[in-house]
N, C-alpha and C. Protein backbone atom coordinates (compact mmCIF):
# COMPACT_ATOMS: atom_id res chain seq x y z
N MET A 1 -94.91 51.79 20.41
CA MET A 1 -94.62 51.89 21.63
C MET A 1 -95.96 51.50 22.46
N ALA A 2 -95.95 51.08 23.74
CA ALA A 2 -96.95 50.42 24.14
C ALA A 2 -97.77 51.57 25.07
N VAL A 3 -98.84 51.79 25.22
CA VAL A 3 -99.63 52.82 25.97
C VAL A 3 -99.43 52.27 27.23
N LEU A 4 -99.54 53.62 28.13
CA LEU A 4 -99.30 53.48 29.41
C LEU A 4 -100.80 53.60 29.97
N GLU A 5 -101.06 52.41 30.32
CA GLU A 5 -102.29 52.00 30.93
C GLU A 5 -102.41 52.48 32.62
N LYS A 6 -103.56 52.67 32.93
CA LYS A 6 -103.72 53.31 34.23
C LYS A 6 -103.48 52.03 35.02
N ILE A 7 -102.18 52.12 36.27
CA ILE A 7 -101.95 51.32 37.42
C ILE A 7 -103.07 51.38 38.36
N GLN A 8 -103.78 50.43 38.88
CA GLN A 8 -104.52 50.26 39.58
C GLN A 8 -103.97 50.52 41.21
N PHE A 9 -104.10 51.04 41.94
CA PHE A 9 -103.29 51.27 43.08
C PHE A 9 -103.92 50.23 44.31
N LEU A 10 -103.95 49.39 44.56
CA LEU A 10 -104.91 48.43 45.81
C LEU A 10 -103.81 48.31 47.34
N SER A 11 -103.05 49.00 47.49
CA SER A 11 -102.30 48.81 48.39
C SER A 11 -101.03 49.97 48.63
N ASN A 12 -100.60 49.47 49.91
CA ASN A 12 -99.82 50.55 50.75
C ASN A 12 -98.02 49.22 50.79
N SER A 13 -98.35 48.23 50.45
CA SER A 13 -97.24 47.17 49.62
C SER A 13 -96.77 47.57 48.36
N LEU A 14 -95.21 47.54 48.19
CA LEU A 14 -94.64 47.63 46.98
C LEU A 14 -94.53 46.49 46.39
N SER A 15 -94.32 45.60 47.39
CA SER A 15 -94.32 44.27 46.44
C SER A 15 -95.66 43.35 45.93
N LEU A 16 -96.59 44.02 46.87
CA LEU A 16 -98.17 43.59 46.26
C LEU A 16 -98.55 44.07 45.18
N ASN A 17 -98.24 45.48 45.13
CA ASN A 17 -98.60 46.55 44.00
C ASN A 17 -97.85 45.75 42.71
N LEU A 18 -96.38 45.64 42.89
CA LEU A 18 -96.13 44.88 41.81
C LEU A 18 -96.39 43.77 41.62
N VAL A 19 -96.85 42.60 42.07
CA VAL A 19 -97.52 41.67 41.42
C VAL A 19 -99.08 41.71 41.09
N ASN A 20 -99.22 43.01 41.09
CA ASN A 20 -100.75 43.26 40.53
C ASN A 20 -100.68 44.00 39.42
N THR A 21 -99.26 43.91 38.67
CA THR A 21 -99.10 44.33 37.63
C THR A 21 -99.48 43.72 36.39
N GLU A 22 -100.03 42.69 37.10
CA GLU A 22 -100.88 41.71 35.78
C GLU A 22 -102.02 41.69 35.57
N GLU A 23 -103.04 41.44 34.91
CA GLU A 23 -104.14 41.72 35.10
C GLU A 23 -104.98 40.52 33.98
N ASN A 24 -106.39 39.96 34.11
CA ASN A 24 -106.87 39.52 33.20
C ASN A 24 -107.76 40.35 32.65
N ARG A 25 -107.67 40.14 31.24
CA ARG A 25 -108.46 40.75 30.28
C ARG A 25 -109.14 40.17 29.01
N ARG A 26 -110.56 40.07 29.16
CA ARG A 26 -111.00 39.13 28.18
C ARG A 26 -110.62 37.67 28.44
N GLY A 27 -110.17 37.25 29.31
CA GLY A 27 -109.92 35.41 29.46
C GLY A 27 -108.04 35.46 29.45
N LYS A 28 -107.41 36.89 28.78
CA LYS A 28 -106.06 36.80 28.81
C LYS A 28 -105.37 37.42 29.80
N ARG A 29 -104.07 37.13 30.27
CA ARG A 29 -103.32 37.61 31.01
C ARG A 29 -102.67 38.78 30.35
N HIS A 30 -102.83 39.88 30.98
CA HIS A 30 -102.32 41.12 30.38
C HIS A 30 -101.40 41.74 31.57
N ASP A 31 -99.85 41.97 30.68
CA ASP A 31 -98.92 42.57 31.57
C ASP A 31 -98.78 43.78 31.26
N LEU A 32 -98.61 44.46 32.50
CA LEU A 32 -98.27 46.29 32.76
C LEU A 32 -96.76 46.46 32.75
N LEU A 33 -96.05 45.36 32.83
CA LEU A 33 -94.87 46.20 32.52
C LEU A 33 -93.81 45.29 31.61
N VAL A 34 -93.97 45.82 30.59
CA VAL A 34 -93.09 45.40 29.33
C VAL A 34 -92.04 46.33 28.75
N THR A 35 -92.09 47.37 28.86
CA THR A 35 -91.57 48.54 28.23
C THR A 35 -90.84 49.24 29.21
N GLU A 36 -89.62 50.02 29.20
CA GLU A 36 -89.16 50.77 30.22
C GLU A 36 -89.96 51.70 30.65
N GLN A 37 -91.00 52.25 29.67
CA GLN A 37 -91.98 53.33 29.78
C GLN A 37 -92.99 53.12 31.02
N GLN A 38 -93.34 51.98 30.54
CA GLN A 38 -94.51 50.68 31.22
C GLN A 38 -94.00 50.99 33.01
N ALA A 39 -92.63 50.41 33.33
CA ALA A 39 -91.93 50.31 34.33
C ALA A 39 -91.95 51.70 35.37
N ALA A 40 -91.28 52.68 34.22
CA ALA A 40 -91.17 54.00 34.77
C ALA A 40 -92.20 54.73 35.26
N TYR A 41 -93.69 54.34 34.63
CA TYR A 41 -94.60 54.83 35.08
C TYR A 41 -95.32 54.16 36.21
N TRP A 42 -95.13 52.52 36.51
CA TRP A 42 -95.49 52.03 37.74
C TRP A 42 -94.93 52.79 38.78
N LEU A 43 -93.57 52.80 38.76
CA LEU A 43 -92.71 53.68 39.65
C LEU A 43 -93.02 54.73 39.91
N GLU A 44 -93.47 55.60 39.01
CA GLU A 44 -93.78 57.09 39.29
C GLU A 44 -95.60 56.78 40.28
N VAL A 45 -96.14 56.16 39.95
CA VAL A 45 -97.11 55.60 40.71
C VAL A 45 -96.92 55.33 42.10
N MET A 46 -95.76 54.31 42.29
CA MET A 46 -95.54 53.84 43.61
C MET A 46 -95.17 55.54 44.24
N PHE A 47 -94.34 56.01 43.62
CA PHE A 47 -93.76 57.57 44.68
C PHE A 47 -94.59 58.22 44.87
N SER A 48 -95.85 58.61 43.72
CA SER A 48 -96.93 59.68 43.76
C SER A 48 -97.91 58.98 45.04
N GLU A 49 -97.90 57.50 45.62
CA GLU A 49 -98.88 56.96 46.28
C GLU A 49 -98.01 57.16 47.94
N GLN A 50 -96.78 57.42 47.57
CA GLN A 50 -95.79 57.30 48.95
C GLN A 50 -95.53 55.89 49.37
N VAL A 51 -95.34 55.04 48.79
CA VAL A 51 -95.10 53.72 48.90
C VAL A 51 -93.82 53.90 49.15
N ILE A 52 -92.75 54.35 48.47
CA ILE A 52 -91.59 54.74 48.18
C ILE A 52 -91.32 55.83 47.97
N LEU A 53 -90.12 56.71 48.53
CA LEU A 53 -89.95 57.80 48.13
C LEU A 53 -88.57 57.92 47.43
N THR A 54 -88.33 58.93 46.48
CA THR A 54 -87.01 59.06 45.83
C THR A 54 -85.62 59.35 46.94
N GLU A 55 -86.05 59.63 47.97
CA GLU A 55 -84.75 59.83 48.93
C GLU A 55 -84.12 58.16 49.08
N GLN A 56 -84.93 57.27 48.42
CA GLN A 56 -84.48 55.61 48.87
C GLN A 56 -83.72 55.17 47.94
N PHE A 57 -83.55 56.05 46.91
CA PHE A 57 -82.63 56.08 45.94
C PHE A 57 -81.33 57.16 45.65
N ALA A 58 -80.29 56.50 46.02
CA ALA A 58 -79.03 57.34 45.69
C ALA A 58 -78.55 57.52 44.19
N GLN A 59 -79.19 56.30 43.28
CA GLN A 59 -78.67 56.22 42.10
C GLN A 59 -79.76 57.03 41.19
N ARG A 60 -79.06 57.43 40.11
CA ARG A 60 -80.30 58.14 39.12
C ARG A 60 -81.05 57.08 38.79
N ILE A 61 -82.37 57.53 38.47
CA ILE A 61 -83.42 56.02 38.43
C ILE A 61 -83.60 56.30 36.90
N HIS A 62 -83.31 55.05 36.30
CA HIS A 62 -83.36 54.92 34.74
C HIS A 62 -83.66 53.31 34.38
N PHE A 63 -84.58 52.91 33.90
CA PHE A 63 -85.17 51.46 33.38
C PHE A 63 -84.33 51.35 32.18
N THR A 64 -83.85 50.12 31.91
CA THR A 64 -83.51 49.62 30.90
C THR A 64 -84.05 48.14 30.43
N GLN A 65 -84.16 47.16 29.48
CA GLN A 65 -84.99 46.29 29.06
C GLN A 65 -84.90 45.10 29.99
N GLU A 66 -83.34 45.39 30.25
CA GLU A 66 -82.83 44.22 31.37
C GLU A 66 -83.33 44.47 32.90
N SER A 67 -83.21 45.71 33.07
CA SER A 67 -84.12 46.11 34.47
C SER A 67 -85.56 46.00 34.51
N VAL A 68 -85.93 45.91 33.38
CA VAL A 68 -87.66 45.51 33.52
C VAL A 68 -87.74 43.81 33.67
N THR A 69 -86.77 43.58 32.64
CA THR A 69 -86.95 41.83 32.91
C THR A 69 -86.38 41.50 34.30
N ALA A 70 -85.72 41.86 35.06
CA ALA A 70 -85.44 41.68 36.31
C ALA A 70 -86.81 41.88 37.22
N LEU A 71 -87.20 42.65 36.81
CA LEU A 71 -88.36 43.16 38.00
C LEU A 71 -89.34 42.23 37.21
N ARG A 72 -89.61 42.11 36.37
CA ARG A 72 -90.57 40.96 36.08
C ARG A 72 -90.49 39.41 36.49
N GLU A 73 -89.07 39.13 36.56
CA GLU A 73 -88.55 37.95 37.07
C GLU A 73 -88.86 38.09 38.67
N LEU A 74 -88.58 39.10 39.27
CA LEU A 74 -88.81 38.91 40.83
C LEU A 74 -90.42 39.18 40.99
N ARG A 75 -91.26 39.91 40.39
CA ARG A 75 -92.64 39.94 40.22
C ARG A 75 -93.14 38.08 39.94
N GLY A 76 -92.58 37.25 39.06
CA GLY A 76 -93.00 36.08 39.20
C GLY A 76 -92.85 35.60 40.45
N LEU A 77 -91.49 35.30 41.24
CA LEU A 77 -91.44 34.85 42.42
C LEU A 77 -92.22 35.25 43.52
N LEU A 78 -92.58 36.79 43.23
CA LEU A 78 -93.66 37.12 44.48
C LEU A 78 -94.69 36.35 44.22
N ARG A 79 -94.95 36.43 42.91
CA ARG A 79 -96.60 36.01 42.89
C ARG A 79 -96.69 34.55 43.29
N LYS A 80 -95.48 34.06 43.04
CA LYS A 80 -95.83 32.16 43.42
C LYS A 80 -96.05 32.05 44.60
N GLY A 81 -95.08 32.95 45.50
CA GLY A 81 -95.36 32.88 46.74
C GLY A 81 -96.35 33.37 47.58
N PHE A 82 -96.85 34.50 47.27
CA PHE A 82 -98.00 35.05 47.69
C PHE A 82 -99.33 34.25 47.12
N GLN A 83 -99.04 33.74 46.04
CA GLN A 83 -100.14 32.52 46.03
C GLN A 83 -100.46 31.30 46.84
N ASP A 84 -99.23 31.06 47.27
CA ASP A 84 -99.12 29.62 48.15
C ASP A 84 -100.06 30.33 49.14
N ILE A 85 -99.31 31.48 50.10
CA ILE A 85 -99.87 32.06 51.20
C ILE A 85 -101.19 32.31 51.09
N ALA A 86 -101.52 32.43 50.22
CA ALA A 86 -103.21 32.78 49.86
C ALA A 86 -104.02 31.82 49.98
N ASP A 87 -103.54 30.76 49.73
CA ASP A 87 -104.10 29.46 49.59
C ASP A 87 -104.07 28.42 50.53
N GLY A 88 -103.04 29.36 51.89
CA GLY A 88 -103.40 28.74 53.09
C GLY A 88 -101.61 27.28 53.06
N LEU A 89 -100.66 27.83 52.10
CA LEU A 89 -99.64 26.80 51.97
C LEU A 89 -98.56 27.47 52.88
N GLN A 90 -97.74 26.53 53.65
CA GLN A 90 -96.80 26.78 54.19
C GLN A 90 -95.61 27.81 53.48
N VAL A 91 -95.22 28.62 54.06
CA VAL A 91 -94.17 29.53 53.29
C VAL A 91 -93.00 28.78 52.94
N ASP A 92 -92.10 28.64 51.76
CA ASP A 92 -91.04 27.89 51.23
C ASP A 92 -90.12 28.82 51.80
N GLU A 93 -88.71 28.01 52.41
CA GLU A 93 -87.66 28.35 52.97
C GLU A 93 -86.71 29.17 51.75
N LEU A 94 -87.14 28.36 50.67
CA LEU A 94 -86.47 28.77 49.09
C LEU A 94 -86.80 29.83 48.60
N TRP A 95 -88.26 30.04 48.82
CA TRP A 95 -88.70 31.40 48.48
C TRP A 95 -88.28 32.53 49.22
N ILE A 96 -87.92 32.60 50.85
CA ILE A 96 -87.62 33.09 51.52
C ILE A 96 -85.62 33.70 51.32
N HIS A 97 -84.82 32.86 51.12
CA HIS A 97 -83.60 32.82 50.78
C HIS A 97 -83.60 33.56 49.56
N ALA A 98 -84.79 33.29 48.18
CA ALA A 98 -84.45 34.26 46.95
C ALA A 98 -84.76 35.46 47.31
N LEU A 99 -85.83 35.89 47.76
CA LEU A 99 -85.70 37.52 48.53
C LEU A 99 -84.72 37.92 49.29
N GLU A 100 -84.46 37.16 50.07
CA GLU A 100 -83.18 37.90 51.05
C GLU A 100 -81.54 37.80 49.71
N SER A 101 -81.66 37.13 48.90
CA SER A 101 -80.24 37.05 47.77
C SER A 101 -80.64 38.44 47.24
N TYR A 102 -82.07 39.22 46.70
CA TYR A 102 -82.16 40.44 46.63
C TYR A 102 -81.84 41.15 47.15
N THR A 103 -82.05 41.48 48.37
CA THR A 103 -81.51 42.42 49.32
C THR A 103 -80.08 42.33 49.34
N ASN A 104 -79.57 41.16 49.18
CA ASN A 104 -78.13 41.14 49.44
C ASN A 104 -77.09 41.71 48.28
N LYS A 105 -77.73 42.06 47.59
CA LYS A 105 -77.56 42.80 45.89
C LYS A 105 -76.98 44.05 46.43
N ALA A 106 -77.87 44.79 47.10
CA ALA A 106 -78.41 46.05 47.66
C ALA A 106 -78.61 46.40 49.09
N PRO A 107 -77.42 45.65 50.01
CA PRO A 107 -77.94 46.42 51.28
C PRO A 107 -78.04 47.78 51.61
N PHE A 108 -78.93 47.62 53.00
CA PHE A 108 -79.04 48.70 53.40
C PHE A 108 -78.50 49.62 54.37
N THR A 109 -78.66 51.11 54.12
CA THR A 109 -78.25 52.08 55.08
C THR A 109 -79.82 52.65 55.72
N PHE A 110 -79.93 53.34 56.63
CA PHE A 110 -81.02 53.98 57.10
C PHE A 110 -80.69 55.31 57.11
N VAL A 111 -82.30 56.02 56.72
CA VAL A 111 -82.23 57.25 56.64
C VAL A 111 -83.66 58.01 57.48
N PHE A 112 -83.16 58.76 58.72
CA PHE A 112 -84.19 59.04 59.84
C PHE A 112 -84.95 60.21 58.99
N LYS A 113 -86.22 60.21 58.49
CA LYS A 113 -87.31 60.95 58.11
C LYS A 113 -88.65 60.60 59.08
N GLU A 114 -89.18 61.66 59.29
CA GLU A 114 -90.46 62.08 60.00
C GLU A 114 -90.58 61.07 60.77
N ASN A 115 -90.02 60.67 61.98
CA ASN A 115 -89.77 59.87 62.63
C ASN A 115 -89.79 58.39 62.39
N LYS A 116 -89.16 58.00 61.36
CA LYS A 116 -88.89 56.83 60.67
C LYS A 116 -87.82 56.25 60.36
N LEU A 117 -87.40 55.24 60.68
CA LEU A 117 -86.41 54.90 59.83
C LEU A 117 -86.75 54.39 58.55
N LEU A 118 -86.07 55.03 57.28
CA LEU A 118 -86.12 54.55 55.79
C LEU A 118 -84.84 53.85 55.21
N PRO A 119 -85.26 52.44 54.68
CA PRO A 119 -84.45 51.53 54.36
C PRO A 119 -84.00 52.66 52.80
N THR A 120 -82.91 52.55 52.84
CA THR A 120 -81.77 53.12 51.88
C THR A 120 -80.88 51.98 50.95
N PRO A 121 -81.34 51.46 49.86
CA PRO A 121 -80.44 50.46 49.59
C PRO A 121 -79.28 50.99 49.02
N CYS A 122 -78.10 50.28 49.01
CA CYS A 122 -76.80 50.96 48.36
C CYS A 122 -76.33 49.75 47.15
N GLY A 123 -76.69 50.81 46.19
CA GLY A 123 -76.20 50.06 44.98
C GLY A 123 -76.75 50.77 43.58
N ALA A 124 -76.66 49.82 42.50
CA ALA A 124 -77.18 50.18 40.89
C ALA A 124 -78.71 50.51 41.05
N PHE A 125 -79.12 51.20 40.31
CA PHE A 125 -81.06 51.29 40.75
C PHE A 125 -81.58 50.08 40.56
N VAL A 126 -81.51 49.14 39.58
CA VAL A 126 -82.31 48.23 39.34
C VAL A 126 -81.72 47.35 40.77
N ASP A 127 -80.86 47.10 41.21
CA ASP A 127 -80.59 46.52 42.40
C ASP A 127 -80.74 47.32 43.51
N SER A 128 -81.18 48.06 43.58
CA SER A 128 -81.95 49.02 44.94
C SER A 128 -83.35 49.09 44.77
N LEU A 129 -83.82 48.96 43.53
CA LEU A 129 -85.43 48.54 43.46
C LEU A 129 -85.85 47.41 43.87
N LEU A 130 -85.06 46.48 43.28
CA LEU A 130 -85.36 45.21 43.06
C LEU A 130 -85.27 44.84 44.81
N SER A 131 -83.96 45.49 45.58
CA SER A 131 -84.14 45.05 47.16
C SER A 131 -85.14 45.60 47.60
N LEU A 132 -85.50 46.57 47.66
CA LEU A 132 -86.59 47.61 48.06
C LEU A 132 -87.98 46.48 48.36
N VAL A 133 -88.29 45.62 46.86
CA VAL A 133 -89.52 44.97 46.82
C VAL A 133 -89.08 44.19 47.56
N ALA A 134 -88.10 42.91 47.54
CA ALA A 134 -87.81 42.07 48.16
C ALA A 134 -88.02 42.11 49.55
N TYR A 135 -87.38 43.62 50.42
CA TYR A 135 -87.28 43.97 51.53
C TYR A 135 -89.20 44.37 52.41
N ASP A 136 -89.59 44.29 51.06
CA ASP A 136 -91.14 45.16 51.48
C ASP A 136 -92.10 43.69 51.65
N ALA A 137 -91.38 42.50 51.27
CA ALA A 137 -92.09 41.49 51.44
C ALA A 137 -91.87 40.70 52.44
N LEU A 138 -90.43 40.67 52.61
CA LEU A 138 -90.07 39.97 53.99
C LEU A 138 -90.46 40.86 55.40
N GLU A 139 -90.80 41.89 54.92
CA GLU A 139 -91.15 42.76 56.31
C GLU A 139 -92.78 42.27 56.27
N LEU A 140 -93.40 42.07 55.66
CA LEU A 140 -94.60 41.96 55.59
C LEU A 140 -94.83 40.57 56.30
N MET A 141 -93.90 40.05 55.61
CA MET A 141 -93.84 38.51 56.47
C MET A 141 -93.45 38.52 57.93
N ALA A 142 -92.63 39.16 58.46
CA ALA A 142 -92.24 39.58 59.40
C ALA A 142 -93.21 40.03 60.32
N ASN A 143 -93.89 41.01 59.58
CA ASN A 143 -95.11 41.56 60.49
C ASN A 143 -96.24 40.90 60.60
N GLY A 144 -96.40 39.70 60.42
CA GLY A 144 -97.73 38.94 59.88
C GLY A 144 -98.86 39.22 59.27
N LYS A 145 -98.34 40.30 58.14
CA LYS A 145 -99.14 40.72 57.60
C LYS A 145 -99.75 40.11 56.34
N LEU A 146 -98.61 38.99 55.83
CA LEU A 146 -99.33 38.09 54.85
C LEU A 146 -100.23 37.26 54.97
N ALA A 147 -100.49 37.12 56.54
CA ALA A 147 -101.22 36.45 56.90
C ALA A 147 -103.02 36.82 56.48
N THR A 148 -102.85 37.94 56.03
CA THR A 148 -104.12 38.67 55.82
C THR A 148 -104.15 38.73 53.74
N LEU A 149 -103.06 38.00 53.53
CA LEU A 149 -103.24 38.16 52.38
C LEU A 149 -104.31 37.39 51.47
N HIS A 150 -105.14 37.96 50.62
CA HIS A 150 -106.01 37.23 49.98
C HIS A 150 -106.12 36.93 48.62
N ARG A 151 -106.59 36.39 47.70
CA ARG A 151 -107.10 36.51 46.70
C ARG A 151 -108.23 37.09 45.97
N CYS A 152 -108.72 37.75 44.77
CA CYS A 152 -109.89 38.44 44.49
C CYS A 152 -110.99 36.91 44.32
N SER A 153 -112.25 37.28 44.91
CA SER A 153 -113.33 36.36 44.77
C SER A 153 -113.74 36.36 43.31
N ASN A 154 -113.09 37.12 42.31
CA ASN A 154 -113.37 37.03 40.93
C ASN A 154 -112.43 36.19 40.06
N PRO A 155 -112.94 34.61 40.24
CA PRO A 155 -111.83 33.57 39.87
C PRO A 155 -111.21 34.14 38.37
N LYS A 156 -111.72 34.97 37.55
CA LYS A 156 -110.97 35.34 36.68
C LYS A 156 -109.66 36.44 37.04
N CYS A 157 -109.87 37.31 38.22
CA CYS A 157 -108.97 38.31 38.38
C CYS A 157 -107.47 37.66 39.14
N LEU A 158 -106.52 38.32 38.59
CA LEU A 158 -105.22 37.95 39.12
C LEU A 158 -104.72 38.57 40.29
N TRP A 159 -105.31 39.59 40.20
CA TRP A 159 -104.82 40.51 41.71
C TRP A 159 -105.34 39.87 43.12
N MET A 160 -104.23 40.16 43.98
CA MET A 160 -103.96 39.94 45.70
C MET A 160 -104.36 41.21 46.42
N TYR A 161 -105.01 40.99 47.68
CA TYR A 161 -105.31 42.19 48.66
C TYR A 161 -105.04 41.83 49.80
N MET A 162 -104.73 42.68 50.79
CA MET A 162 -104.64 42.36 52.16
C MET A 162 -105.70 42.69 52.96
N ASP A 163 -106.53 42.21 53.71
CA ASP A 163 -107.42 42.06 54.97
C ASP A 163 -107.75 41.68 55.87
N ALA A 164 -107.23 42.48 56.71
CA ALA A 164 -107.44 41.67 58.31
C ALA A 164 -108.95 41.59 58.60
N THR A 165 -109.80 42.35 58.49
CA THR A 165 -111.24 42.22 58.89
C THR A 165 -111.73 40.65 58.28
N GLY A 166 -111.08 40.35 56.99
CA GLY A 166 -111.93 39.06 56.88
C GLY A 166 -113.10 39.24 55.74
N LYS A 167 -113.83 40.27 55.73
CA LYS A 167 -115.26 40.83 55.29
C LYS A 167 -115.43 41.55 53.75
N ARG A 168 -113.64 41.57 53.25
CA ARG A 168 -113.73 42.05 51.79
C ARG A 168 -113.43 40.76 50.81
N LYS A 169 -114.31 41.11 49.61
CA LYS A 169 -114.08 39.62 48.79
C LYS A 169 -113.63 40.06 47.63
N TRP A 170 -113.25 41.25 47.17
CA TRP A 170 -112.60 41.52 45.97
C TRP A 170 -111.47 42.62 45.82
N CYS A 171 -110.90 42.51 45.04
CA CYS A 171 -109.79 42.77 44.80
C CYS A 171 -110.13 44.68 44.97
N SER A 172 -111.10 45.13 44.12
CA SER A 172 -111.58 46.13 44.12
C SER A 172 -112.84 46.22 44.17
N MET A 173 -113.70 47.02 44.91
CA MET A 173 -115.62 47.44 44.59
C MET A 173 -115.61 47.58 43.21
N LYS A 174 -115.08 48.50 42.84
CA LYS A 174 -115.22 49.42 41.27
C LYS A 174 -115.05 48.47 40.36
N ILE A 175 -113.72 47.49 40.68
CA ILE A 175 -113.51 46.38 39.47
C ILE A 175 -114.21 45.40 39.64
N CYS A 176 -113.95 44.54 40.16
CA CYS A 176 -114.53 43.08 40.35
C CYS A 176 -115.52 42.58 41.06
N GLY A 177 -115.84 43.80 42.18
CA GLY A 177 -117.15 43.35 42.76
C GLY A 177 -118.66 44.45 42.08
N ASN A 178 -118.16 45.56 41.39
CA ASN A 178 -119.40 45.44 40.51
C ASN A 178 -119.46 44.82 39.28
N ARG A 179 -118.45 44.02 38.55
CA ARG A 179 -118.60 43.00 37.49
C ARG A 179 -119.67 41.85 37.92
N MET A 180 -118.81 41.16 39.31
CA MET A 180 -119.70 40.22 39.66
C MET A 180 -120.99 40.56 40.29
N LYS A 181 -121.36 41.44 40.55
CA LYS A 181 -122.80 41.84 41.04
C LYS A 181 -123.56 41.87 39.87
N VAL A 182 -123.01 42.81 38.88
CA VAL A 182 -124.12 42.59 37.68
C VAL A 182 -124.10 41.31 36.94
N ALA A 183 -122.93 40.34 37.03
CA ALA A 183 -123.44 38.84 36.25
C ALA A 183 -124.04 38.12 36.88
N ARG A 184 -124.22 38.12 38.35
CA ARG A 184 -125.08 37.53 39.36
C ARG A 184 -126.26 37.99 39.16
N HIS A 185 -126.64 39.41 39.04
CA HIS A 185 -127.82 40.44 38.89
C HIS A 185 -128.42 39.71 37.50
N LYS A 186 -128.13 39.67 36.25
CA LYS A 186 -128.18 39.02 34.70
C LYS A 186 -128.32 37.57 34.81
N ASP A 187 -127.60 37.01 35.72
CA ASP A 187 -127.96 35.05 35.59
C ASP A 187 -129.58 35.38 36.58
N ARG A 188 -129.93 35.91 37.83
CA ARG A 188 -131.21 35.66 38.27
C ARG A 188 -132.54 36.36 37.56
N SER A 189 -131.81 37.48 36.21
CA SER A 189 -133.10 37.90 35.67
C SER A 189 -133.30 36.95 34.63
């Protein structure tokens, strides 16, 4: 059984948090979403940080290996599009259509909660989750927030973040910022 490793919470975006479930460890890509337990843990972190709410799921929350695979496939699609956007490339229409196809598998109804409309997908659990993730990415795009998407300045880091100020350089000061500062200090010494 895989160890449940701490999920780093870097954003209020469901789609960006999904993309950031891959990391670089000692020069190798490390996946935090391999097992059903790891996927359930990631989702639990998203609930605890209120990125999504349990009210958004009409179906029982249950991961299978097939649903984990589907989640990882969507993550790969999102990573490709987000990296292109962070690199200043034009958004690919096929990428948008692919995300729309995820939302079509579990269309939305809306619930009024705390003075907001809460999208609630109709469908099986995995389709609902994938629909919410795709919806989040499309919503970021529609609101212009993807224009603030950046890659971490640590060339070994896989994580991305959003920053409208243009001042931030690292995915997290505690993680990459400190590592890079220590490395620079060693180089100068």
